[in-house]
Amino acid sequence: MATQASIGETMLISNVIRRTTDLMRHNALAVFGPVCLLEALQALLASEPYALLAYQGFYGGSLTVATFLSLLAILIGLITQAVVQACVTAAMLAEGEGRKASLAECLRLALRCFLPLILVSTLTSLAIGLGVLMLVVPGLLVATMWFLAAPVTAFEDASLSGSFNRSQDLTRGSRWKIFALLLIILCVMIVLAMIAAFLESAVGLISPSLGVIATPMLTVVLACFTTSIPAIVASATYVELRDLYGGGPTALLGRVFQ
């Protein structure tokens, strides 16, 4: 169980925000590059079934293909979440060393731990969803308690149960602040969505033909940010709490850049 280093010492939201913005400024390519490519592929596959069905004009011949492409898009979405967390982890480690992470480092870490990350992300999402169905409050509790499960998996090379237990220990005493961070993330997502909608409408009014091109591009950029920002904030929170409460396993740290 994590114990506080000194009386009155708690996580500062301002420190988490500072770590988040520093990472985005210093390692933008490593964090956002692979994610944008995967989000573009996911968007393409997600739209293809509807294009096929519209082109064929009936459901019989193309339904199997459409279903397959939809499931493939979901799979790519799960892989994207894992790659995001791995890239953010590699970038955060490089940030701690005062340098930029390379794409090769990010991809090596992604290959090393993307299956555990997929499992952790999926189980966390399912638990939050079930908790929300149970009068919302349990879902919010799970969201704050397991907020660090994915970063723990990536940073510490922890087991499945170990990731959830470690996240539960680290967040103890800071869950109201983590809840505030979740609200901040939600507000940022809403603002970004409003900006994207405004730009889409403006471009469409100026040039309808250009709007056809701009709409999918804005969708991909928005998805890139909405996928990456929560992972970056979670990793920044993990580093802040790890530094505050003490180390924990560091098996991955010595070999992540090998």
Protein backbone atom coordinates (compact mmCIF):
# COMPACT_ATOMS: atom_id res chain seq x y z
CA MET A 1 0.00 0.00 0.00
CA ALA A 2 1.27 3.44 -0.87
CA THR A 3 2.04 5.67 2.07
CA GLN A 4 2.42 9.40 1.97
CA ALA A 5 5.99 10.64 2.03
CA SER A 6 5.33 13.47 4.44
CA ILE A 7 2.38 14.90 6.33
CA GLY A 8 0.33 17.31 4.22
CA GLU A 9 2.04 16.37 0.96
CA THR A 10 -0.50 15.67 -1.77
CA MET A 11 -0.72 15.52 -5.53
CA LEU A 12 -0.94 18.91 -7.21
CA ILE A 13 -3.20 19.16 -10.25
CA SER A 14 -1.02 21.99 -11.54
CA ASN A 15 1.98 19.64 -11.63
CA VAL A 16 0.01 17.07 -13.62
CA ILE A 17 -1.08 19.74 -16.11
CA ARG A 18 2.50 20.99 -16.41
CA ARG A 19 3.81 17.47 -17.11
CA THR A 20 1.05 16.98 -19.67
CA THR A 21 1.74 20.18 -21.60
CA ASP A 22 5.53 19.65 -21.44
CA LEU A 23 5.17 16.18 -22.92
CA MET A 24 2.92 17.41 -25.71
CA ARG A 25 5.33 20.21 -26.58
CA HIS A 26 8.57 18.22 -26.43
CA ASN A 27 7.46 14.84 -27.83
CA ALA A 28 4.54 15.69 -30.11
CA LEU A 29 5.77 13.57 -33.03
CA ALA A 30 6.41 10.46 -30.93
CA VAL A 31 3.04 10.73 -29.18
CA PHE A 32 0.73 11.89 -31.96
CA GLY A 33 2.40 10.48 -35.09
CA PRO A 34 1.53 6.76 -34.76
CA VAL A 35 -1.86 7.61 -33.26
CA CYS A 36 -2.88 9.80 -36.19
CA LEU A 37 -2.03 7.02 -38.65
CA LEU A 38 -4.03 4.45 -36.69
CA GLU A 39 -6.98 6.81 -36.21
CA ALA A 40 -7.01 7.53 -39.96
CA LEU A 41 -7.06 3.80 -40.71
CA GLN A 42 -9.80 3.25 -38.14
CA ALA A 43 -11.91 6.06 -39.60
CA LEU A 44 -11.45 4.64 -43.09
CA LEU A 45 -12.55 1.17 -42.03
CA ALA A 46 -15.44 2.50 -39.97
CA SER A 47 -16.85 4.37 -42.96
CA GLU A 48 -16.24 1.67 -45.54
CA PRO A 49 -19.18 -0.63 -44.57
CA TYR A 50 -21.66 2.18 -45.12
CA ALA A 51 -20.07 3.05 -48.44
CA LEU A 52 -20.26 -0.58 -49.52
CA LEU A 53 -23.89 -0.92 -48.49
CA ALA A 54 -24.84 2.31 -50.25
CA TYR A 55 -23.01 1.28 -53.41
CA GLN A 56 -24.53 -2.19 -53.57
CA GLY A 57 -28.01 -0.93 -52.79
CA PHE A 58 -28.95 -4.00 -50.77
CA TYR A 59 -27.76 -5.81 -47.62
CA GLY A 60 -27.49 -9.37 -48.86
CA GLY A 61 -24.16 -9.46 -50.68
CA SER A 62 -22.14 -6.95 -48.66
CA LEU A 63 -23.31 -7.49 -45.08
CA THR A 64 -20.58 -10.01 -44.30
CA VAL A 65 -17.87 -7.70 -45.60
CA ALA A 66 -19.38 -4.75 -43.73
CA THR A 67 -19.52 -6.69 -40.47
CA PHE A 68 -15.93 -7.85 -40.88
CA LEU A 69 -14.69 -4.32 -41.54
CA SER A 70 -16.64 -3.00 -38.54
CA LEU A 71 -15.09 -5.59 -36.24
CA LEU A 72 -11.68 -4.82 -37.73
CA ALA A 73 -12.20 -1.13 -36.97
CA ILE A 74 -13.03 -2.01 -33.34
CA LEU A 75 -9.87 -4.12 -33.11
CA ILE A 76 -7.77 -1.27 -34.51
CA GLY A 77 -9.38 1.00 -31.93
CA LEU A 78 -8.20 -1.27 -29.12
CA ILE A 79 -4.72 -1.48 -30.66
CA THR A 80 -4.70 2.32 -30.95
CA GLN A 81 -5.36 2.70 -27.23
CA ALA A 82 -2.47 0.36 -26.44
CA VAL A 83 -0.12 2.12 -28.87
CA VAL A 84 -1.07 5.51 -27.43
CA GLN A 85 -0.23 4.40 -23.89
CA ALA A 86 3.06 2.83 -25.02
CA CYS A 87 4.09 5.93 -26.96
CA VAL A 88 3.17 8.19 -24.06
CA THR A 89 5.14 5.98 -21.66
CA ALA A 90 8.26 6.02 -23.84
CA ALA A 91 7.93 9.78 -24.28
CA MET A 92 7.46 10.32 -20.54
CA LEU A 93 10.54 8.28 -19.74
CA ALA A 94 12.55 10.24 -22.30
CA GLU A 95 11.14 13.47 -20.88
CA GLY A 96 12.50 12.46 -17.47
CA GLU A 97 15.93 12.08 -19.08
CA GLY A 98 15.68 15.52 -20.69
CA ARG A 99 15.47 14.32 -24.29
CA LYS A 100 12.97 13.42 -27.00
CA ALA A 101 11.73 9.88 -27.57
CA SER A 102 12.20 8.38 -31.02
CA LEU A 103 9.44 6.63 -32.93
CA ALA A 104 11.50 3.44 -32.79
CA GLU A 105 11.53 3.53 -28.98
CA CYS A 106 7.78 4.07 -28.87
CA LEU A 107 7.07 1.21 -31.28
CA ARG A 108 9.41 -1.18 -29.43
CA LEU A 109 7.53 -0.53 -26.21
CA ALA A 110 4.20 -0.89 -28.01
CA LEU A 111 5.18 -4.30 -29.36
CA ARG A 112 6.41 -5.37 -25.93
CA CYS A 113 3.30 -4.62 -23.91
CA PHE A 114 0.34 -3.94 -26.22
CA LEU A 115 -1.50 -7.21 -25.35
CA PRO A 116 -1.51 -6.51 -21.58
CA LEU A 117 -2.52 -2.92 -22.30
CA ILE A 118 -5.45 -4.07 -24.43
CA LEU A 119 -6.61 -6.38 -21.63
CA VAL A 120 -6.27 -3.69 -18.96
CA SER A 121 -8.03 -1.05 -21.07
CA THR A 122 -10.85 -3.42 -21.99
CA LEU A 123 -11.43 -4.60 -18.41
CA THR A 124 -11.31 -1.03 -17.12
CA SER A 125 -13.84 0.15 -19.70
CA LEU A 126 -16.17 -2.76 -18.95
CA ALA A 127 -15.95 -2.16 -15.19
CA ILE A 128 -16.64 1.56 -15.61
CA GLY A 129 -19.56 0.81 -17.92
CA LEU A 130 -21.09 -1.65 -15.45
CA GLY A 131 -20.52 0.81 -12.63
CA VAL A 132 -22.29 3.59 -14.54
CA LEU A 133 -25.27 1.29 -15.06
CA MET A 134 -25.33 0.80 -11.27
CA LEU A 135 -26.48 4.37 -10.49
CA VAL A 136 -23.37 6.11 -11.97
CA VAL A 137 -21.46 6.58 -8.70
CA PRO A 138 -19.78 3.12 -8.75
CA GLY A 139 -18.60 3.84 -12.29
CA LEU A 140 -17.01 7.11 -11.21
CA LEU A 141 -15.35 5.34 -8.28
CA VAL A 142 -13.90 2.69 -10.60
CA ALA A 143 -12.77 5.37 -13.07
CA THR A 144 -10.77 7.18 -10.38
CA MET A 145 -9.54 4.04 -8.62
CA TRP A 146 -8.24 2.37 -11.80
CA PHE A 147 -7.24 5.56 -13.60
CA LEU A 148 -3.58 4.52 -13.46
CA ALA A 149 -3.96 0.85 -14.39
CA ALA A 150 -2.76 1.31 -17.99
CA PRO A 151 0.22 3.53 -17.07
CA VAL A 152 1.24 1.05 -14.36
CA THR A 153 1.12 -1.77 -16.93
CA ALA A 154 3.36 0.18 -19.32
CA PHE A 155 5.74 1.80 -16.83
CA GLU A 156 6.21 -1.09 -14.40
CA ASP A 157 5.62 -4.14 -16.60
CA ALA A 158 3.09 -5.25 -13.98
CA SER A 159 0.77 -8.24 -14.19
CA LEU A 160 -2.93 -7.81 -14.85
CA SER A 161 -3.96 -7.98 -11.19
CA GLY A 162 -0.83 -6.13 -10.14
CA SER A 163 -1.72 -3.18 -12.39
CA PHE A 164 -5.16 -2.75 -10.82
CA ASN A 165 -3.86 -3.21 -7.26
CA ARG A 166 -1.01 -0.75 -7.79
CA SER A 167 -3.38 1.80 -9.33
CA GLN A 168 -5.73 1.40 -6.39
CA ASP A 169 -2.86 2.00 -3.95
CA LEU A 170 -1.42 5.01 -5.79
CA THR A 171 -4.77 6.76 -6.17
CA ARG A 172 -5.75 6.32 -2.53
CA GLY A 173 -6.07 9.78 -0.99
CA SER A 174 -6.02 11.55 -4.37
CA ARG A 175 -9.24 10.35 -5.99
CA TRP A 176 -11.12 13.61 -5.66
CA LYS A 177 -8.28 15.34 -7.49
CA ILE A 178 -8.29 12.60 -10.12
CA PHE A 179 -12.04 13.14 -10.49
CA ALA A 180 -11.29 16.85 -11.03
CA LEU A 181 -8.77 15.87 -13.70
CA LEU A 182 -11.42 13.73 -15.41
CA LEU A 183 -13.74 16.75 -15.45
CA ILE A 184 -10.97 18.89 -16.93
CA ILE A 185 -10.37 16.26 -19.63
CA LEU A 186 -14.10 16.21 -20.39
CA CYS A 187 -14.19 20.00 -20.71
CA VAL A 188 -11.17 19.95 -23.03
CA MET A 189 -12.83 17.27 -25.18
CA ILE A 190 -16.01 19.35 -25.44
CA VAL A 191 -14.07 22.47 -26.43
CA LEU A 192 -12.09 20.55 -29.06
CA ALA A 193 -15.29 19.05 -30.47
CA MET A 194 -16.87 22.52 -30.68
CA ILE A 195 -13.81 23.92 -32.44
CA ALA A 196 -13.81 21.01 -34.92
CA ALA A 197 -17.54 21.47 -35.59
CA PHE A 198 -17.07 25.21 -36.14
CA LEU A 199 -14.18 24.68 -38.54
CA GLU A 200 -16.11 22.00 -40.40
CA SER A 201 -19.10 24.31 -40.83
CA ALA A 202 -16.94 27.28 -41.81
CA VAL A 203 -15.01 25.32 -44.43
CA GLY A 204 -18.24 23.81 -45.77
CA LEU A 205 -19.78 27.26 -46.20
CA ILE A 206 -16.72 28.64 -47.93
CA SER A 207 -16.26 25.68 -50.26
CA PRO A 208 -18.53 22.59 -50.18
CA SER A 209 -16.02 20.58 -52.20
CA LEU A 210 -13.25 21.49 -49.75
CA GLY A 211 -15.57 20.64 -46.88
CA VAL A 212 -15.84 17.06 -48.15
CA ILE A 213 -12.06 16.76 -47.72
CA ALA A 214 -11.83 18.75 -44.50
CA THR A 215 -14.50 16.81 -42.60
CA PRO A 216 -12.68 13.44 -42.41
CA MET A 217 -9.39 15.21 -41.71
CA LEU A 218 -10.90 17.12 -38.78
CA THR A 219 -12.50 13.89 -37.55
CA VAL A 220 -9.13 12.14 -37.49
CA VAL A 221 -7.37 15.07 -35.77
CA LEU A 222 -10.11 15.28 -33.15
CA ALA A 223 -9.95 11.52 -32.55
CA CYS A 224 -6.18 11.74 -32.22
CA PHE A 225 -6.47 14.31 -29.44
CA THR A 226 -9.39 12.65 -27.66
CA THR A 227 -7.48 9.35 -27.61
CA SER A 228 -4.09 10.78 -26.64
CA ILE A 229 -4.92 13.43 -24.03
CA PRO A 230 -6.48 11.04 -21.45
CA ALA A 231 -3.48 8.71 -21.79
CA ILE A 232 -1.04 11.61 -21.37
CA VAL A 233 -2.87 12.94 -18.31
CA ALA A 234 -3.01 9.44 -16.79
CA SER A 235 0.74 8.95 -17.33
CA ALA A 236 1.51 12.40 -15.91
CA THR A 237 -0.64 11.57 -12.88
CA TYR A 238 1.16 8.25 -12.45
CA VAL A 239 4.59 9.91 -12.52
CA GLU A 240 3.43 12.58 -10.07
CA LEU A 241 2.04 10.04 -7.60
CA ARG A 242 4.95 7.64 -8.05
CA ASP A 243 7.41 10.42 -7.25
CA LEU A 244 5.28 11.48 -4.29
CA TYR A 245 4.62 8.08 -2.73
CA GLY A 246 7.69 6.14 -3.78
CA GLY A 247 9.04 3.89 -6.47
CA GLY A 248 7.37 0.55 -6.99
CA PRO A 249 8.53 -2.00 -9.56
CA THR A 250 10.80 -0.62 -12.28
CA ALA A 251 11.45 -3.74 -14.33
CA LEU A 252 10.60 -2.06 -17.59
CA LEU A 253 12.57 1.12 -17.06
CA GLY A 254 15.97 -0.42 -17.53
CA ARG A 255 15.21 -2.03 -20.85
CA VAL A 256 12.61 0.16 -22.52
CA PHE A 257 15.18 1.98 -24.64
CA GLN A 258 17.26 -1.08 -25.52
